[in-house]
Protein backbone atom coordinates (compact mmCIF):
# COMPACT_ATOMS: atom_id res chain seq x y z
CA MET A 1 226.95 111.25 -8.55
CA PHE A 2 225.82 114.87 -8.46
CA PHE A 3 222.15 113.95 -7.99
CA ARG A 4 223.11 111.20 -5.52
CA LEU A 5 224.90 113.73 -3.35
CA ILE A 6 221.87 116.04 -3.45
CA ALA A 7 219.43 113.28 -2.50
CA ASP A 8 221.74 111.98 0.24
CA ASN A 9 222.19 115.41 1.81
CA PHE A 10 218.47 116.18 1.57
CA THR A 11 217.63 113.16 3.75
CA ARG A 12 220.24 114.06 6.36
CA ARG A 13 219.51 116.48 9.19
CA PRO A 14 215.71 116.10 8.75
CA ARG A 15 214.91 118.37 11.68
CA ARG A 16 216.71 121.37 10.17
CA LYS A 17 215.27 120.66 6.73
CA PHE A 18 211.79 120.40 8.21
CA LEU A 19 212.06 123.73 10.03
CA THR A 20 213.35 125.46 6.89
CA ALA A 21 210.62 123.93 4.73
CA ALA A 22 207.99 124.86 7.34
CA ALA A 23 209.08 128.52 7.39
CA LEU A 24 209.12 128.59 3.59
CA SER A 25 205.73 126.86 3.38
CA LEU A 26 204.08 129.35 5.73
CA GLY A 27 205.42 132.27 3.72
CA MET A 28 204.26 130.72 0.45
CA ALA A 29 200.86 129.89 1.99
CA VAL A 30 200.25 133.53 2.87
CA ALA A 31 201.46 134.59 -0.58
CA THR A 32 199.18 132.04 -2.25
CA ALA A 33 196.14 133.19 -0.28
CA ALA A 34 196.90 136.86 -0.97
CA LEU A 35 197.46 136.31 -4.70
CA SER A 36 194.37 134.12 -5.08
CA VAL A 37 192.15 136.65 -3.32
CA SER A 38 193.80 139.55 -5.18
CA LEU A 39 193.11 137.97 -8.58
CA ASP A 40 189.52 137.29 -7.58
CA VAL A 41 188.79 140.44 -5.58
CA GLY A 42 188.15 142.64 -8.62
CA ASP A 43 185.25 140.54 -9.91
CA ARG A 44 183.89 139.97 -6.42
CA LEU A 45 183.96 143.65 -5.50
CA SER A 46 182.39 144.54 -8.84
CA GLU A 47 179.56 142.11 -8.12
CA GLU A 48 179.18 143.51 -4.60
CA PHE A 49 179.08 147.08 -5.92
CA ARG A 50 176.26 146.14 -8.25
CA SER A 51 174.12 145.95 -5.11
CA LEU A 52 174.60 149.73 -4.87
CA GLY A 53 172.70 150.20 -8.10
CA ALA A 54 173.44 151.15 -11.68
CA ASN A 55 176.76 152.72 -12.60
CA LEU A 56 175.66 154.23 -15.94
CA VAL A 57 172.75 156.51 -16.85
CA VAL A 58 171.57 157.23 -20.40
CA THR A 59 169.60 160.40 -21.21
CA PRO A 60 168.60 162.12 -24.46
CA GLU A 61 171.45 164.20 -25.85
CA ALA A 62 169.01 166.99 -26.75
CA ASP A 63 167.36 166.98 -23.35
CA SER A 64 166.56 170.23 -21.63
CA LEU A 65 168.28 171.41 -18.47
CA PRO A 66 166.98 169.25 -15.59
CA LEU A 67 165.13 170.81 -12.69
CA GLU A 68 165.32 168.36 -9.80
CA ILE A 69 164.80 169.12 -6.12
CA GLY A 70 165.11 166.38 -3.55
CA GLY A 71 165.31 163.73 -6.27
CA VAL A 72 161.97 164.85 -7.80
CA ASP A 73 161.81 166.07 -11.40
CA PHE A 74 159.66 169.24 -11.47
CA ARG A 75 159.66 169.78 -15.24
CA PRO A 76 156.29 169.67 -17.00
CA ALA A 77 155.36 166.16 -18.06
CA ASN A 78 155.56 166.98 -21.77
CA SER A 79 158.97 168.69 -21.65
CA GLY A 80 162.31 167.23 -22.64
CA ALA A 81 163.33 164.74 -25.27
CA TYR A 82 162.69 161.00 -25.29
CA LEU A 83 164.55 157.96 -26.61
CA PRO A 84 163.01 154.89 -28.30
CA GLU A 85 162.74 151.60 -26.44
CA ALA A 86 163.23 149.75 -29.71
CA ASP A 87 166.98 150.54 -29.64
CA LEU A 88 167.59 149.03 -26.20
CA ALA A 89 168.29 145.53 -27.55
CA LYS A 90 171.35 146.99 -29.27
CA ILE A 91 173.03 147.41 -25.87
CA LYS A 92 173.60 143.65 -25.80
CA THR A 93 175.49 143.84 -29.10
CA VAL A 94 178.43 145.97 -27.86
CA PHE A 95 181.87 144.41 -27.35
CA TRP A 96 181.36 144.09 -23.58
CA HIS A 97 177.75 142.86 -23.83
CA ASN A 98 178.41 140.03 -21.35
CA ASN A 99 179.44 142.62 -18.73
CA ILE A 100 176.08 144.41 -18.96
CA ILE A 101 174.01 142.55 -16.40
CA ALA A 102 170.87 144.72 -16.38
CA PHE A 103 169.24 147.89 -17.67
CA ALA A 104 165.88 149.56 -17.09
CA PRO A 105 164.25 152.57 -18.80
CA VAL A 106 162.50 155.10 -16.59
CA ILE A 107 159.94 157.87 -16.98
CA ASP A 108 159.90 160.16 -13.94
CA ILE A 109 157.15 162.78 -13.55
CA THR A 110 155.12 164.58 -10.93
CA GLY A 111 151.49 163.55 -10.77
CA LEU A 112 148.47 163.22 -8.53
CA LEU A 113 146.93 160.26 -6.77
CA ALA A 114 143.17 160.40 -6.28
CA ILE A 115 142.67 159.38 -2.65
CA PRO A 116 139.59 157.13 -2.29
CA GLU A 117 138.57 158.76 1.00
CA PRO A 118 139.53 162.33 2.00
CA ARG A 119 141.72 162.35 5.09
CA PRO A 120 142.61 165.61 6.85
CA ASP A 121 145.85 164.13 8.25
CA ILE A 122 147.37 163.58 4.79
CA ALA A 123 150.20 166.03 4.14
CA GLN A 124 151.07 167.58 0.79
CA VAL A 125 147.66 167.23 -0.80
CA VAL A 126 146.10 169.32 -3.51
CA PRO A 127 142.42 170.12 -2.75
CA HIS A 128 139.90 169.92 -5.55
CA GLY A 129 139.05 173.24 -7.10
CA GLY A 130 140.76 175.90 -9.12
CA SER A 131 140.40 175.74 -12.87
CA SER A 132 136.97 174.99 -14.27
CA ARG A 133 138.62 172.58 -16.68
CA TRP A 134 139.53 170.29 -13.81
CA PRO A 135 137.36 167.12 -14.06
CA PRO A 136 134.28 167.79 -11.95
CA LYS A 137 133.68 164.14 -11.05
CA TYR A 138 136.65 164.20 -8.67
CA ASP A 139 135.39 165.86 -5.56
CA ASP A 140 137.81 164.14 -3.16
CA ARG A 141 141.39 165.20 -2.55
CA TYR A 142 144.57 164.57 -4.48
CA ALA A 143 148.06 163.72 -3.22
CA LYS A 144 150.88 165.24 -5.26
CA VAL A 145 153.61 162.63 -5.61
CA GLN A 146 156.49 161.49 -7.75
CA ILE A 147 155.42 158.85 -10.28
CA LEU A 148 157.91 156.45 -11.84
CA GLY A 149 157.39 154.22 -14.83
CA THR A 150 159.86 151.41 -15.43
CA TRP A 151 160.36 147.73 -16.25
CA SER A 152 159.96 144.78 -13.92
CA HIS A 153 161.00 141.31 -15.13
CA HIS A 154 160.84 142.55 -18.70
CA GLU A 155 161.89 140.31 -21.60
CA VAL A 156 164.02 141.95 -24.29
CA GLN A 157 164.20 140.16 -27.63
CA LEU A 158 167.83 140.13 -28.80
CA SER A 159 169.08 140.03 -32.36
CA ASP A 160 170.33 136.43 -32.02
CA GLY A 161 166.84 135.22 -31.11
CA SER A 162 167.48 134.85 -27.38
CA LYS A 163 165.68 136.74 -24.63
CA PHE A 164 167.24 138.89 -21.94
CA VAL A 165 165.23 139.39 -18.75
CA THR A 166 165.92 142.64 -16.95
CA GLY A 167 164.24 145.33 -14.88
CA ILE A 168 164.61 147.87 -12.11
CA GLN A 169 164.79 145.12 -9.47
CA THR A 170 168.08 143.98 -11.09
CA THR A 171 169.64 147.39 -11.72
CA ASN A 172 168.73 148.47 -8.18
CA PRO A 173 168.87 145.26 -6.11
CA TRP A 174 168.78 147.28 -2.89
CA TRP A 175 165.13 148.14 -3.62
CA HIS A 176 163.18 145.76 -1.39
CA VAL A 177 159.51 145.14 -2.04
CA GLN A 178 157.10 143.82 0.55
CA GLY A 179 154.62 141.86 -1.50
CA ARG A 180 155.66 141.60 -5.15
CA TRP A 181 156.56 143.66 -8.18
CA PHE A 182 153.84 144.61 -10.65
CA GLU A 183 153.19 142.59 -13.78
CA GLU A 184 153.45 144.42 -17.07
CA GLY A 185 150.17 144.76 -18.94
CA LYS A 186 148.12 144.88 -15.74
CA ASN A 187 146.78 147.82 -13.70
CA GLU A 188 149.18 147.20 -10.84
CA CYS A 189 151.73 149.35 -9.09
CA VAL A 190 154.14 149.50 -6.17
CA LEU A 191 153.94 152.31 -3.60
CA GLY A 192 156.84 153.70 -1.64
CA LYS A 193 156.72 152.91 2.06
CA ARG A 194 156.28 156.50 3.25
CA LEU A 195 153.70 157.25 0.55
CA ALA A 196 151.66 154.17 1.45
CA GLN A 197 151.64 155.24 5.10
CA ARG A 198 150.75 158.82 4.19
CA ILE A 199 147.72 157.98 2.04
CA HIS A 200 146.74 154.96 4.16
CA LEU A 201 146.87 152.40 1.37
CA GLU A 202 147.99 148.81 1.87
CA ILE A 203 148.67 145.89 -0.44
CA GLY A 204 145.43 145.09 -2.24
CA GLY A 205 144.14 148.67 -2.10
CA LYS A 206 143.16 150.63 -5.21
CA PHE A 207 143.36 154.26 -6.35
CA GLN A 208 143.48 156.36 -9.48
CA ALA A 209 146.57 158.08 -10.88
CA LEU A 210 146.47 161.46 -12.60
CA VAL A 211 149.20 162.97 -14.73
CA ARG A 212 148.84 166.69 -14.30
CA GLU A 213 149.47 168.96 -17.25
CA GLU A 214 148.16 172.41 -16.35
CA PRO A 215 145.31 173.09 -16.78
CA LEU A 216 144.43 169.52 -17.75
CA ALA A 217 144.37 166.31 -15.72
CA LEU A 218 144.31 162.91 -17.34
CA PRO A 219 142.56 160.32 -15.15
CA GLY A 220 143.97 156.80 -15.09
CA ASP A 221 142.15 153.55 -14.47
CA ASP A 222 141.87 152.03 -11.02
CA CYS A 223 145.24 150.65 -10.04
CA GLU A 224 145.85 147.90 -7.48
CA VAL A 225 148.72 148.14 -5.00
CA VAL A 226 150.67 144.84 -5.13
CA GLY A 227 153.78 145.84 -3.18
CA VAL A 228 155.32 148.36 -0.81
CA LEU A 229 158.80 149.63 -1.74
CA GLU A 230 161.61 150.21 0.77
CA THR A 231 164.72 152.01 -0.50
CA GLY A 232 165.77 154.44 2.24
CA THR A 233 165.73 157.20 -0.40
CA SER A 234 163.24 159.53 -2.08
CA GLU A 235 161.61 156.61 -3.94
CA GLU A 236 159.77 155.74 -0.71
CA ASP A 237 157.59 158.80 -1.46
CA ALA A 238 156.89 157.67 -5.02
CA ALA A 239 154.48 155.40 -6.87
CA VAL A 240 156.07 152.96 -9.34
CA PHE A 241 154.05 151.83 -12.37
CA PRO A 242 154.75 149.77 -15.48
CA ILE A 243 156.35 152.15 -17.95
CA GLN A 244 153.57 151.46 -20.49
CA VAL A 245 151.07 153.21 -18.19
CA LEU A 246 152.98 156.50 -18.24
CA GLN A 247 153.77 156.16 -21.93
CA GLN A 248 150.04 155.91 -22.61
CA LEU A 249 149.12 158.83 -20.39
CA LEU A 250 151.86 161.04 -21.86
CA PHE A 251 151.16 159.94 -25.43
CA LYS A 252 154.77 158.71 -25.73
CA PRO A 253 154.37 155.05 -26.74
CA GLY A 254 157.62 153.05 -26.80
CA GLN A 255 159.73 155.91 -25.41
CA TYR A 256 161.60 156.64 -22.18
CA ARG A 257 163.36 159.54 -20.47
CA LYS A 258 166.26 157.84 -18.70
CA LEU A 259 167.98 154.48 -18.83
CA PHE A 260 169.88 152.99 -15.90
CA VAL A 261 172.55 150.42 -16.77
CA SER A 262 174.38 148.11 -14.39
CA ALA A 263 177.66 146.71 -15.77
CA LEU A 264 180.57 144.71 -14.38
CA THR A 265 183.62 146.92 -14.84
CA LYS A 266 187.32 147.22 -14.17
CA PRO A 267 188.30 150.05 -11.79
CA GLU A 268 189.53 153.05 -13.73
CA ASP A 269 193.16 154.18 -13.78
CA ASP A 270 194.77 157.26 -15.33
CA PHE A 271 194.67 155.69 -18.80
CA ALA A 272 190.95 154.96 -18.49
CA ARG A 273 190.17 158.60 -17.68
CA ARG A 274 191.73 159.93 -20.87
CA ASP A 275 189.51 161.42 -23.56
CA PRO A 276 189.14 158.80 -26.34
CA ARG A 277 189.06 161.60 -28.92
CA THR A 278 192.71 162.41 -28.13
CA MET A 279 193.96 158.81 -28.34
CA GLN A 280 195.99 157.21 -31.09
CA PRO A 281 194.32 154.29 -32.93
CA ASP A 282 196.30 151.66 -30.99
CA GLU A 283 195.51 153.40 -27.68
CA LEU A 284 191.83 153.65 -28.55
CA GLU A 285 191.75 149.94 -29.38
CA ARG A 286 193.41 149.02 -26.07
CA TRP A 287 191.06 151.35 -24.18
CA SER A 288 187.98 149.95 -25.95
CA CYS A 289 189.07 146.36 -25.24
CA SER A 290 189.28 147.00 -21.48
CA PRO A 291 186.10 146.80 -19.39
CA TYR A 292 186.43 150.32 -17.98
CA VAL A 293 183.12 151.93 -17.11
CA SER A 294 184.00 154.81 -19.43
CA SER A 295 184.75 152.50 -22.38
CA ILE A 296 181.46 150.64 -21.85
CA ALA A 297 179.67 154.01 -21.75
CA TYR A 298 181.39 154.95 -25.02
CA SER A 299 180.27 151.66 -26.64
CA ILE A 300 176.67 152.17 -25.52
CA LYS A 301 176.63 155.69 -26.92
CA GLN A 302 177.69 154.30 -30.31
CA VAL A 303 174.64 152.01 -30.56
CA LEU A 304 172.05 154.42 -29.08
CA PRO A 305 171.75 157.38 -31.48
CA GLY A 306 170.98 160.72 -29.87
CA SER A 307 171.90 159.54 -26.38
CA ASP A 308 174.19 160.92 -23.72
CA VAL A 309 175.77 158.21 -21.55
CA ARG A 310 177.20 159.34 -18.22
CA VAL A 311 179.05 157.47 -15.51
CA ILE A 312 177.57 157.55 -12.00
CA ARG A 313 180.85 158.52 -10.37
CA ARG A 314 179.91 157.91 -6.77
CA VAL A 315 179.66 154.18 -7.59
CA ALA A 316 182.54 153.88 -10.06
CA ASP A 317 185.02 155.95 -8.03
CA GLY A 318 184.10 154.18 -4.79
CA GLU A 319 184.72 150.81 -6.40
CA GLY A 320 188.14 151.87 -7.68
CA LYS A 321 189.28 153.33 -4.35
CA ILE A 322 188.23 150.33 -2.29
CA LEU A 323 189.75 147.86 -4.74
CA THR A 324 193.04 149.78 -4.77
CA ARG A 325 193.21 149.78 -0.99
CA VAL A 326 192.34 146.10 -0.69
CA ARG A 327 194.96 145.10 -3.26
CA THR A 328 197.56 147.34 -1.62
CA LEU A 329 196.90 145.64 1.71
CA LEU A 330 197.19 142.20 0.12
CA TRP A 331 200.48 143.12 -1.56
CA LEU A 332 201.89 144.45 1.72
CA VAL A 333 200.95 141.21 3.47
CA THR A 334 202.53 139.20 0.65
CA ILE A 335 205.78 141.18 0.75
CA ALA A 336 205.95 140.84 4.54
CA SER A 337 205.45 137.06 4.34
CA LEU A 338 208.12 136.71 1.63
CA LEU A 339 210.58 138.80 3.65
CA ALA A 340 209.97 136.67 6.74
CA ALA A 341 210.46 133.48 4.70
CA ALA A 342 213.71 134.84 3.21
CA LEU A 343 215.09 135.67 6.67
CA ALA A 344 214.18 132.20 7.97
CA VAL A 345 215.80 130.49 4.98
CA GLY A 346 218.90 132.68 5.31
CA ALA A 347 219.34 131.86 9.00
CA SER A 348 218.86 128.14 8.38
CA SER A 349 221.23 128.17 5.41
CA ALA A 350 223.96 129.98 7.36
CA SER A 351 223.68 127.48 10.21
CA SER A 352 223.79 124.56 7.75
CA VAL A 353 226.91 125.91 6.03
CA ILE A 354 228.71 126.27 9.37
CA GLU A 355 227.84 122.67 10.32
CA ARG A 356 229.05 121.38 6.93
CA ARG A 357 232.38 123.20 6.85
CA THR A 358 234.34 119.95 7.16
CA GLU A 359 232.30 118.26 4.43
CA ILE A 360 232.77 121.21 2.08
CA GLY A 361 236.49 121.36 2.85
CA LEU A 362 236.87 117.65 2.12
CA MET A 363 235.07 118.00 -1.24
CA LYS A 364 237.41 120.82 -2.21
CA ALA A 365 240.45 118.83 -1.09
CA LEU A 366 239.33 115.95 -3.36
CA GLY A 367 239.23 118.27 -6.36
CA ALA A 368 235.80 119.92 -6.37
CA GLY A 369 235.96 123.51 -7.55
CA SER A 370 234.13 126.47 -6.07
CA GLY A 371 231.61 126.37 -8.91
CA THR A 372 230.82 122.69 -8.30
CA VAL A 373 230.35 123.25 -4.58
CA GLY A 374 228.18 126.28 -5.25
CA TRP A 375 225.98 124.41 -7.75
CA LEU A 376 225.61 121.49 -5.33
CA LEU A 377 224.44 123.70 -2.48
CA THR A 378 222.20 125.72 -4.79
CA ALA A 379 220.52 122.56 -6.15
CA GLU A 380 219.84 121.42 -2.59
CA GLN A 381 218.21 124.77 -1.81
CA LEU A 382 216.09 124.68 -5.01
CA LEU A 383 214.82 121.19 -4.12
CA LEU A 384 213.89 122.54 -0.71
CA ALA A 385 212.16 125.49 -2.39
CA PHE A 386 210.12 123.15 -4.60
CA VAL A 387 208.92 121.11 -1.61
CA GLY A 388 208.17 124.23 0.44
CA GLY A 389 206.45 125.94 -2.50
CA CYS A 390 204.13 123.01 -3.25
CA THR A 391 203.27 122.58 0.42
CA GLY A 392 202.69 126.32 0.82
CA TYR A 393 200.47 126.39 -2.26
CA ALA A 394 198.27 123.63 -0.84
CA LEU A 395 198.00 125.38 2.53
CA GLY A 396 197.42 128.71 0.81
CA LEU A 397 194.45 127.34 -1.13
CA LEU A 398 192.80 126.35 2.15
CA LEU A 399 193.49 129.79 3.60
CA ALA A 400 192.20 131.49 0.42
CA ARG A 401 188.97 129.46 0.55
CA PHE A 402 188.47 130.51 4.16
CA LEU A 403 189.12 134.21 3.45
CA GLY A 404 187.07 134.24 0.25
CA THR A 405 184.11 132.57 1.95
CA LYS A 406 184.23 134.90 4.95
CA ILE A 407 184.65 138.12 2.96
CA PHE A 408 182.73 137.52 -0.27
CA GLY A 409 180.75 134.37 0.44
CA VAL A 410 182.41 132.57 -2.51
CA PRO A 411 185.90 130.95 -2.42
CA PRO A 412 188.37 131.81 -5.23
CA GLU A 413 189.05 129.16 -7.84
CA PRO A 414 192.46 127.37 -7.83
CA SER A 415 194.78 128.66 -10.54
CA LEU A 416 197.76 127.02 -12.22
CA LEU A 417 199.08 130.54 -12.81
CA VAL A 418 199.26 131.11 -9.07
CA LEU A 419 201.06 127.75 -8.63
CA GLY A 420 203.68 128.77 -11.18
CA VAL A 421 204.13 132.17 -9.55
CA ILE A 422 204.46 130.60 -6.09
CA LEU A 423 207.14 128.14 -7.25
CA VAL A 424 209.09 131.00 -8.82
CA LEU A 425 208.70 133.08 -5.66
CA ALA A 426 209.78 130.14 -3.49
CA ALA A 427 212.92 129.64 -5.61
CA THR A 428 213.68 133.36 -5.61
CA VAL A 429 213.18 133.76 -1.87
CA THR A 430 215.30 130.68 -1.14
CA LEU A 431 218.16 131.79 -3.38
CA LEU A 432 218.11 135.37 -2.10
CA GLY A 433 217.94 134.23 1.53
CA SER A 434 220.80 131.74 1.16
CA ALA A 435 222.91 133.72 -1.32
CA LEU A 436 225.39 135.07 1.24
CA PRO A 437 225.95 131.74 3.09
CA LEU A 438 226.34 129.85 -0.22
CA ARG A 439 228.81 132.43 -1.53
CA ARG A 440 230.81 132.09 1.65
CA ALA A 441 230.76 128.27 1.45
CA ALA A 442 231.98 128.29 -2.16
CA ARG A 443 235.03 130.34 -1.09
CA PHE A 444 236.08 128.10 1.81
CA ASP A 445 239.81 127.24 1.85
CA PRO A 446 240.05 123.49 2.55
CA ALA A 447 243.47 123.54 4.25
CA PRO A 448 242.55 125.47 7.41
CA ILE A 449 239.31 123.54 7.70
CA LEU A 450 241.00 120.13 7.52
CA ARG A 451 243.56 121.29 10.09
CA GLY A 452 240.66 122.09 12.42
CA GLU A 453 241.28 125.81 12.43
């Protein structure tokens, strides 16, 4: 009889039930969309921030004090410590190896480019002359430039037998090349846009590179320009070679000066910024098992002996701040939608209780207690919450797909966890909104009601 009364009352007054369910569905739809996007926004923002470049840099622990001006390293080419390339495969053995999406070693020096034809309009050139030890066969002019050596589409052999393809074009996806990247093992290079304009070289042109070590210059073989690099930064004044070229010229085979790492991370909180050396064993385990950029840096340092791994804070901090603000906005929207739904349910419930005063009074006169009446009305509201929650979840998925596609280009995946949370929220909002009217209905005195008072 109890369930029959619930079903019978649920089919009566369909217009009021529809309006209540519609208000509840809209609130749950907004909550569903906000929760779905909030659960997905961390990974999406992390992927978007990878377009800003690497968030970790590895350097030799025993390296000398850097001397960089305008992004150019002015130390002598033979100064500073180096790290072995052979250890780089170990990076993919750390706990968060799946979060490391790319890495690229770099050698950064100042060198000379032998210009094929002297041009008086070229700025920042070094005229031939000076020391008698300078190679006499070069009687043209030399452009002093930044020279980078790195990987491009390089295959790393991992310990499990698989291959991992990485390179500077993946760690720095905002580097755009007109033409193509160089192929390793060939005398090819990529020139920065401003440098190519300054020395009047285009794709297909050739020149010679010199690594200058006073008072000696080491001539390189003719190198073909296969691409022009656009970055909007100092690299547009640089020449980018396969790292093997610089290793050969510097007599540093299989070694590098810096390593840039791009990893998917979780924005750091106060716990993530703590020094791991001061943590208890259980805290260190929890910190190590969280994909914080600092914990990934700590793991990399463990597998690369003699290295110093630093976080590029301008990327990591920016990611954390933006994610915090986006999630705060989503939570505020969710709370506002739930509050509006609770007010709508409360108003509808109060109106329904007033209309059903006679019915409630008659039930009490026939022997129903306050608890029975309260449970009956509560069950009716919970059934309404279930219908409104399911409908709101379906509408919210459509809204989440629209928002996810517009903002990130990829819609969030449906989640049973979100469905469970929405049904709980729908029940909670319905009970809180109708709590006062239901409490008042349970305390009705049947005698005055039946007398029409």
